[in-house]
């Protein structure tokens, strides 16, 4: 399956996400910006299941991720659909295209910082109608507020 986690607001999202994954006993793969995979922590990022992506350069990341899901048994791929911590950015379609290509479900998840919770929403089967599906997926996050990073 593909897990989408939004909103992506802080570097702490990674720590919270890894702790949640360990608590649930999951082995999760994830895509992250390539700069996170440089020394000295690159080995750790890969060991934790990461695959680097060069943002802004079309390089076939969707195809590679879809191929990984198709090849490996019981893969859970986590992606921040916003692709950045900057507020107000539209969601990228890669997560959707990956799920659609390999016919797997999408599990929407959120870091609900005000409630100090990781929330999981209903499993979502993509229909192929991206605009309608995106609106439905984003509706799950209507009550989720971005973490106040000014504090």
C-alpha atoms as a PDB file:
ATOM      1  CA  UNK A   1       0.000   0.000   0.000  1.00  0.00           C
ATOM      2  CA  UNK A   2       0.919   3.648  -0.196  1.00  0.00           C
ATOM      3  CA  UNK A   3       0.625   5.697   2.995  1.00  0.00           C
ATOM      4  CA  UNK A   4       0.305   9.438   2.499  1.00  0.00           C
ATOM      5  CA  UNK A   5       1.175  11.622   5.469  1.00  0.00           C
ATOM      6  CA  UNK A   6       0.076  15.246   5.577  1.00  0.00           C
ATOM      7  CA  UNK A   7       0.532  17.971   6.415  1.00  0.00           C
ATOM      8  CA  UNK A   8       4.319  17.820   6.316  1.00  0.00           C
ATOM      9  CA  UNK A   9       5.366  20.729   8.522  1.00  0.00           C
ATOM     10  CA  UNK A  10       8.612  20.016  10.325  1.00  0.00           C
ATOM     11  CA  UNK A  11      11.653  17.751  10.430  1.00  0.00           C
ATOM     12  CA  UNK A  12      10.074  16.251  13.550  1.00  0.00           C
ATOM     13  CA  UNK A  13       7.520  14.580  11.261  1.00  0.00           C
ATOM     14  CA  UNK A  14      10.207  12.055  10.350  1.00  0.00           C
ATOM     15  CA  UNK A  15      10.947  11.213  13.978  1.00  0.00           C
ATOM     16  CA  UNK A  16       7.250  10.884  14.832  1.00  0.00           C
ATOM     17  CA  UNK A  17       6.699   8.780  11.716  1.00  0.00           C
ATOM     18  CA  UNK A  18       9.571   6.391  12.462  1.00  0.00           C
ATOM     19  CA  UNK A  19       8.378   5.970  16.052  1.00  0.00           C
ATOM     20  CA  UNK A  20       4.829   5.253  14.819  1.00  0.00           C
ATOM     21  CA  UNK A  21       6.140   2.712  12.315  1.00  0.00           C
ATOM     22  CA  UNK A  22       8.154   0.912  15.000  1.00  0.00           C
ATOM     23  CA  UNK A  23       5.170   0.984  17.391  1.00  0.00           C
ATOM     24  CA  UNK A  24       2.978  -0.613  14.711  1.00  0.00           C
ATOM     25  CA  UNK A  25       5.628  -3.191  13.831  1.00  0.00           C
ATOM     26  CA  UNK A  26       5.734  -2.172  10.181  1.00  0.00           C
ATOM     27  CA  UNK A  27       8.620  -2.175   7.747  1.00  0.00           C
ATOM     28  CA  UNK A  28       8.025   0.968   5.731  1.00  0.00           C
ATOM     29  CA  UNK A  29       9.868   2.277   2.708  1.00  0.00           C
ATOM     30  CA  UNK A  30       9.786   5.995   1.987  1.00  0.00           C
ATOM     31  CA  UNK A  31      10.907   8.556  -0.553  1.00  0.00           C
ATOM     32  CA  UNK A  32      12.914  11.537   0.651  1.00  0.00           C
ATOM     33  CA  UNK A  33      14.832  14.409  -0.860  1.00  0.00           C
ATOM     34  CA  UNK A  34      18.300  13.358  -1.952  1.00  0.00           C
ATOM     35  CA  UNK A  35      20.113  15.745   0.385  1.00  0.00           C
ATOM     36  CA  UNK A  36      18.921  13.674   3.369  1.00  0.00           C
ATOM     37  CA  UNK A  37      20.936  10.715   2.086  1.00  0.00           C
ATOM     38  CA  UNK A  38      24.354  12.374   2.142  1.00  0.00           C
ATOM     39  CA  UNK A  39      26.939  11.696   4.866  1.00  0.00           C
ATOM     40  CA  UNK A  40      26.925  11.509   7.773  1.00  0.00           C
ATOM     41  CA  UNK A  41      23.316  10.219   8.058  1.00  0.00           C
ATOM     42  CA  UNK A  42      22.753   8.772   4.584  1.00  0.00           C
ATOM     43  CA  UNK A  43      23.397   5.199   5.716  1.00  0.00           C
ATOM     44  CA  UNK A  44      20.823   5.568   8.501  1.00  0.00           C
ATOM     45  CA  UNK A  45      18.202   6.997   6.149  1.00  0.00           C
ATOM     46  CA  UNK A  46      18.675   4.025   3.804  1.00  0.00           C
ATOM     47  CA  UNK A  47      18.653   1.535   6.693  1.00  0.00           C
ATOM     48  CA  UNK A  48      15.333   3.010   7.832  1.00  0.00           C
ATOM     49  CA  UNK A  49      13.904   2.243   4.369  1.00  0.00           C
ATOM     50  CA  UNK A  50      14.571   5.462   2.495  1.00  0.00           C
ATOM     51  CA  UNK A  51      15.109   6.000  -1.192  1.00  0.00           C
ATOM     52  CA  UNK A  52      16.497   9.360  -2.348  1.00  0.00           C
ATOM     53  CA  UNK A  53      14.611  11.459  -4.906  1.00  0.00           C
ATOM     54  CA  UNK A  54      16.009  14.506  -6.678  1.00  0.00           C
ATOM     55  CA  UNK A  55      13.087  16.912  -6.511  1.00  0.00           C
ATOM     56  CA  UNK A  56      12.352  18.966  -9.591  1.00  0.00           C
ATOM     57  CA  UNK A  57      14.189  16.628 -11.965  1.00  0.00           C
ATOM     58  CA  UNK A  58      12.072  14.158 -13.890  1.00  0.00           C
ATOM     59  CA  UNK A  59      13.891  10.913 -13.344  1.00  0.00           C
ATOM     60  CA  UNK A  60      11.267   8.213 -13.246  1.00  0.00           C
ATOM     61  CA  UNK A  61      10.744   8.123  -9.467  1.00  0.00           C
ATOM     62  CA  UNK A  62       7.109   7.071  -9.935  1.00  0.00           C
ATOM     63  CA  UNK A  63       8.108   4.172 -12.164  1.00  0.00           C
ATOM     64  CA  UNK A  64      10.917   3.122  -9.840  1.00  0.00           C
ATOM     65  CA  UNK A  65       8.660   3.200  -6.773  1.00  0.00           C
ATOM     66  CA  UNK A  66       5.907   1.310  -8.602  1.00  0.00           C
ATOM     67  CA  UNK A  67       8.470  -1.287  -9.697  1.00  0.00           C
ATOM     68  CA  UNK A  68       9.705  -1.694  -6.116  1.00  0.00           C
ATOM     69  CA  UNK A  69       6.160  -2.295  -4.875  1.00  0.00           C
ATOM     70  CA  UNK A  70       5.526  -4.790  -7.671  1.00  0.00           C
ATOM     71  CA  UNK A  71       8.793  -6.698  -6.992  1.00  0.00           C
ATOM     72  CA  UNK A  72       8.815  -6.813  -3.202  1.00  0.00           C
ATOM     73  CA  UNK A  73       6.427  -8.693  -0.975  1.00  0.00           C
ATOM     74  CA  UNK A  74       4.119  -6.642   1.258  1.00  0.00           C
ATOM     75  CA  UNK A  75       5.649  -3.228   0.672  1.00  0.00           C
ATOM     76  CA  UNK A  76       4.343  -0.201   2.532  1.00  0.00           C
ATOM     77  CA  UNK A  77       5.528   3.026   0.889  1.00  0.00           C
ATOM     78  CA  UNK A  78       5.185   6.280   2.849  1.00  0.00           C
ATOM     79  CA  UNK A  79       5.082   9.595   1.006  1.00  0.00           C
ATOM     80  CA  UNK A  80       4.401  13.205   1.980  1.00  0.00           C
ATOM     81  CA  UNK A  81       2.110  14.244  -0.896  1.00  0.00           C
ATOM     82  CA  UNK A  82       3.071  17.896  -0.510  1.00  0.00           C
ATOM     83  CA  UNK A  83       6.700  17.018  -1.212  1.00  0.00           C
ATOM     84  CA  UNK A  84       7.910  19.844   1.027  1.00  0.00           C
ATOM     85  CA  UNK A  85       7.439  21.412   4.449  1.00  0.00           C
ATOM     86  CA  UNK A  86       6.485  24.780   2.926  1.00  0.00           C
ATOM     87  CA  UNK A  87       2.827  25.654   3.544  1.00  0.00           C
ATOM     88  CA  UNK A  88       0.396  26.220   0.728  1.00  0.00           C
ATOM     89  CA  UNK A  89       2.005  23.916  -1.835  1.00  0.00           C
ATOM     90  CA  UNK A  90      -0.337  21.774  -3.922  1.00  0.00           C
ATOM     91  CA  UNK A  91      -0.078  18.032  -3.509  1.00  0.00           C
ATOM     92  CA  UNK A  92       2.057  16.252  -6.055  1.00  0.00           C
ATOM     93  CA  UNK A  93       0.445  13.407  -7.968  1.00  0.00           C
ATOM     94  CA  UNK A  94       3.266  10.860  -7.630  1.00  0.00           C
ATOM     95  CA  UNK A  95       1.724   8.991  -4.693  1.00  0.00           C
ATOM     96  CA  UNK A  96      -1.513   8.597  -6.653  1.00  0.00           C
ATOM     97  CA  UNK A  97       0.191   7.467  -9.849  1.00  0.00           C
ATOM     98  CA  UNK A  98       2.230   4.888  -7.933  1.00  0.00           C
ATOM     99  CA  UNK A  99      -0.850   3.439  -6.220  1.00  0.00           C
ATOM    100  CA  UNK A 100      -2.814   3.389  -9.459  1.00  0.00           C
ATOM    101  CA  UNK A 101       0.025   1.788 -11.447  1.00  0.00           C
ATOM    102  CA  UNK A 102       0.393  -1.183  -9.088  1.00  0.00           C
ATOM    103  CA  UNK A 103      -3.263  -1.326  -8.043  1.00  0.00           C
ATOM    104  CA  UNK A 104      -2.732  -0.817  -4.323  1.00  0.00           C
ATOM    105  CA  UNK A 105      -4.748   1.118  -1.778  1.00  0.00           C
ATOM    106  CA  UNK A 106      -3.824   4.480  -0.285  1.00  0.00           C
ATOM    107  CA  UNK A 107      -3.864   4.876   3.497  1.00  0.00           C
ATOM    108  CA  UNK A 108      -4.235   8.548   4.457  1.00  0.00           C
ATOM    109  CA  UNK A 109      -2.446   9.404   7.715  1.00  0.00           C
ATOM    110  CA  UNK A 110      -1.862  12.627   9.620  1.00  0.00           C
ATOM    111  CA  UNK A 111       0.331  13.904  12.403  1.00  0.00           C
ATOM    112  CA  UNK A 112      -2.250  15.646  14.556  1.00  0.00           C
ATOM    113  CA  UNK A 113       0.102  17.689  16.740  1.00  0.00           C
ATOM    114  CA  UNK A 114      -2.559  19.612  18.717  1.00  0.00           C
ATOM    115  CA  UNK A 115      -4.099  16.285  19.799  1.00  0.00           C
ATOM    116  CA  UNK A 116      -0.681  14.582  20.113  1.00  0.00           C
ATOM    117  CA  UNK A 117      -1.833  11.742  17.878  1.00  0.00           C
ATOM    118  CA  UNK A 118      -1.062   9.955  14.655  1.00  0.00           C
ATOM    119  CA  UNK A 119      -4.375   9.556  12.842  1.00  0.00           C
ATOM    120  CA  UNK A 120      -5.184   6.903  10.264  1.00  0.00           C
ATOM    121  CA  UNK A 121      -8.127   7.471   7.951  1.00  0.00           C
ATOM    122  CA  UNK A 122     -10.148   4.910   5.963  1.00  0.00           C
ATOM    123  CA  UNK A 123      -8.257   2.922   3.334  1.00  0.00           C
ATOM    124  CA  UNK A 124      -8.811   4.516  -0.069  1.00  0.00           C
ATOM    125  CA  UNK A 125      -8.985   2.728  -3.421  1.00  0.00           C
ATOM    126  CA  UNK A 126      -8.017   5.061  -6.293  1.00  0.00           C
ATOM    127  CA  UNK A 127     -10.582   5.130  -9.105  1.00  0.00           C
ATOM    128  CA  UNK A 128      -8.484   6.693 -11.852  1.00  0.00           C
ATOM    129  CA  UNK A 129     -10.327  10.016 -11.590  1.00  0.00           C
ATOM    130  CA  UNK A 130      -7.480  12.013 -10.044  1.00  0.00           C
ATOM    131  CA  UNK A 131      -9.360  15.268  -9.449  1.00  0.00           C
ATOM    132  CA  UNK A 132     -12.288  13.595  -7.687  1.00  0.00           C
ATOM    133  CA  UNK A 133     -10.048  11.249  -5.711  1.00  0.00           C
ATOM    134  CA  UNK A 134      -7.732  14.089  -4.663  1.00  0.00           C
ATOM    135  CA  UNK A 135     -10.691  16.113  -3.371  1.00  0.00           C
ATOM    136  CA  UNK A 136     -11.889  13.107  -1.365  1.00  0.00           C
ATOM    137  CA  UNK A 137      -8.417  12.374   0.044  1.00  0.00           C
ATOM    138  CA  UNK A 138      -7.855  16.003   1.017  1.00  0.00           C
ATOM    139  CA  UNK A 139     -11.231  16.093   2.755  1.00  0.00           C
ATOM    140  CA  UNK A 140      -9.858  13.684   5.375  1.00  0.00           C
ATOM    141  CA  UNK A 141      -7.412  16.412   6.387  1.00  0.00           C
ATOM    142  CA  UNK A 142      -9.970  19.231   6.722  1.00  0.00           C
ATOM    143  CA  UNK A 143      -9.718  19.282  10.527  1.00  0.00           C
ATOM    144  CA  UNK A 144      -5.974  18.661  10.718  1.00  0.00           C
ATOM    145  CA  UNK A 145      -3.948  21.777  11.464  1.00  0.00           C
ATOM    146  CA  UNK A 146      -0.342  22.327  10.510  1.00  0.00           C
ATOM    147  CA  UNK A 147       2.107  22.247  13.397  1.00  0.00           C
ATOM    148  CA  UNK A 148       2.934  25.747  14.591  1.00  0.00           C
ATOM    149  CA  UNK A 149       6.670  25.850  13.907  1.00  0.00           C
ATOM    150  CA  UNK A 150       7.070  29.328  15.401  1.00  0.00           C
ATOM    151  CA  UNK A 151       7.073  27.964  18.952  1.00  0.00           C
END
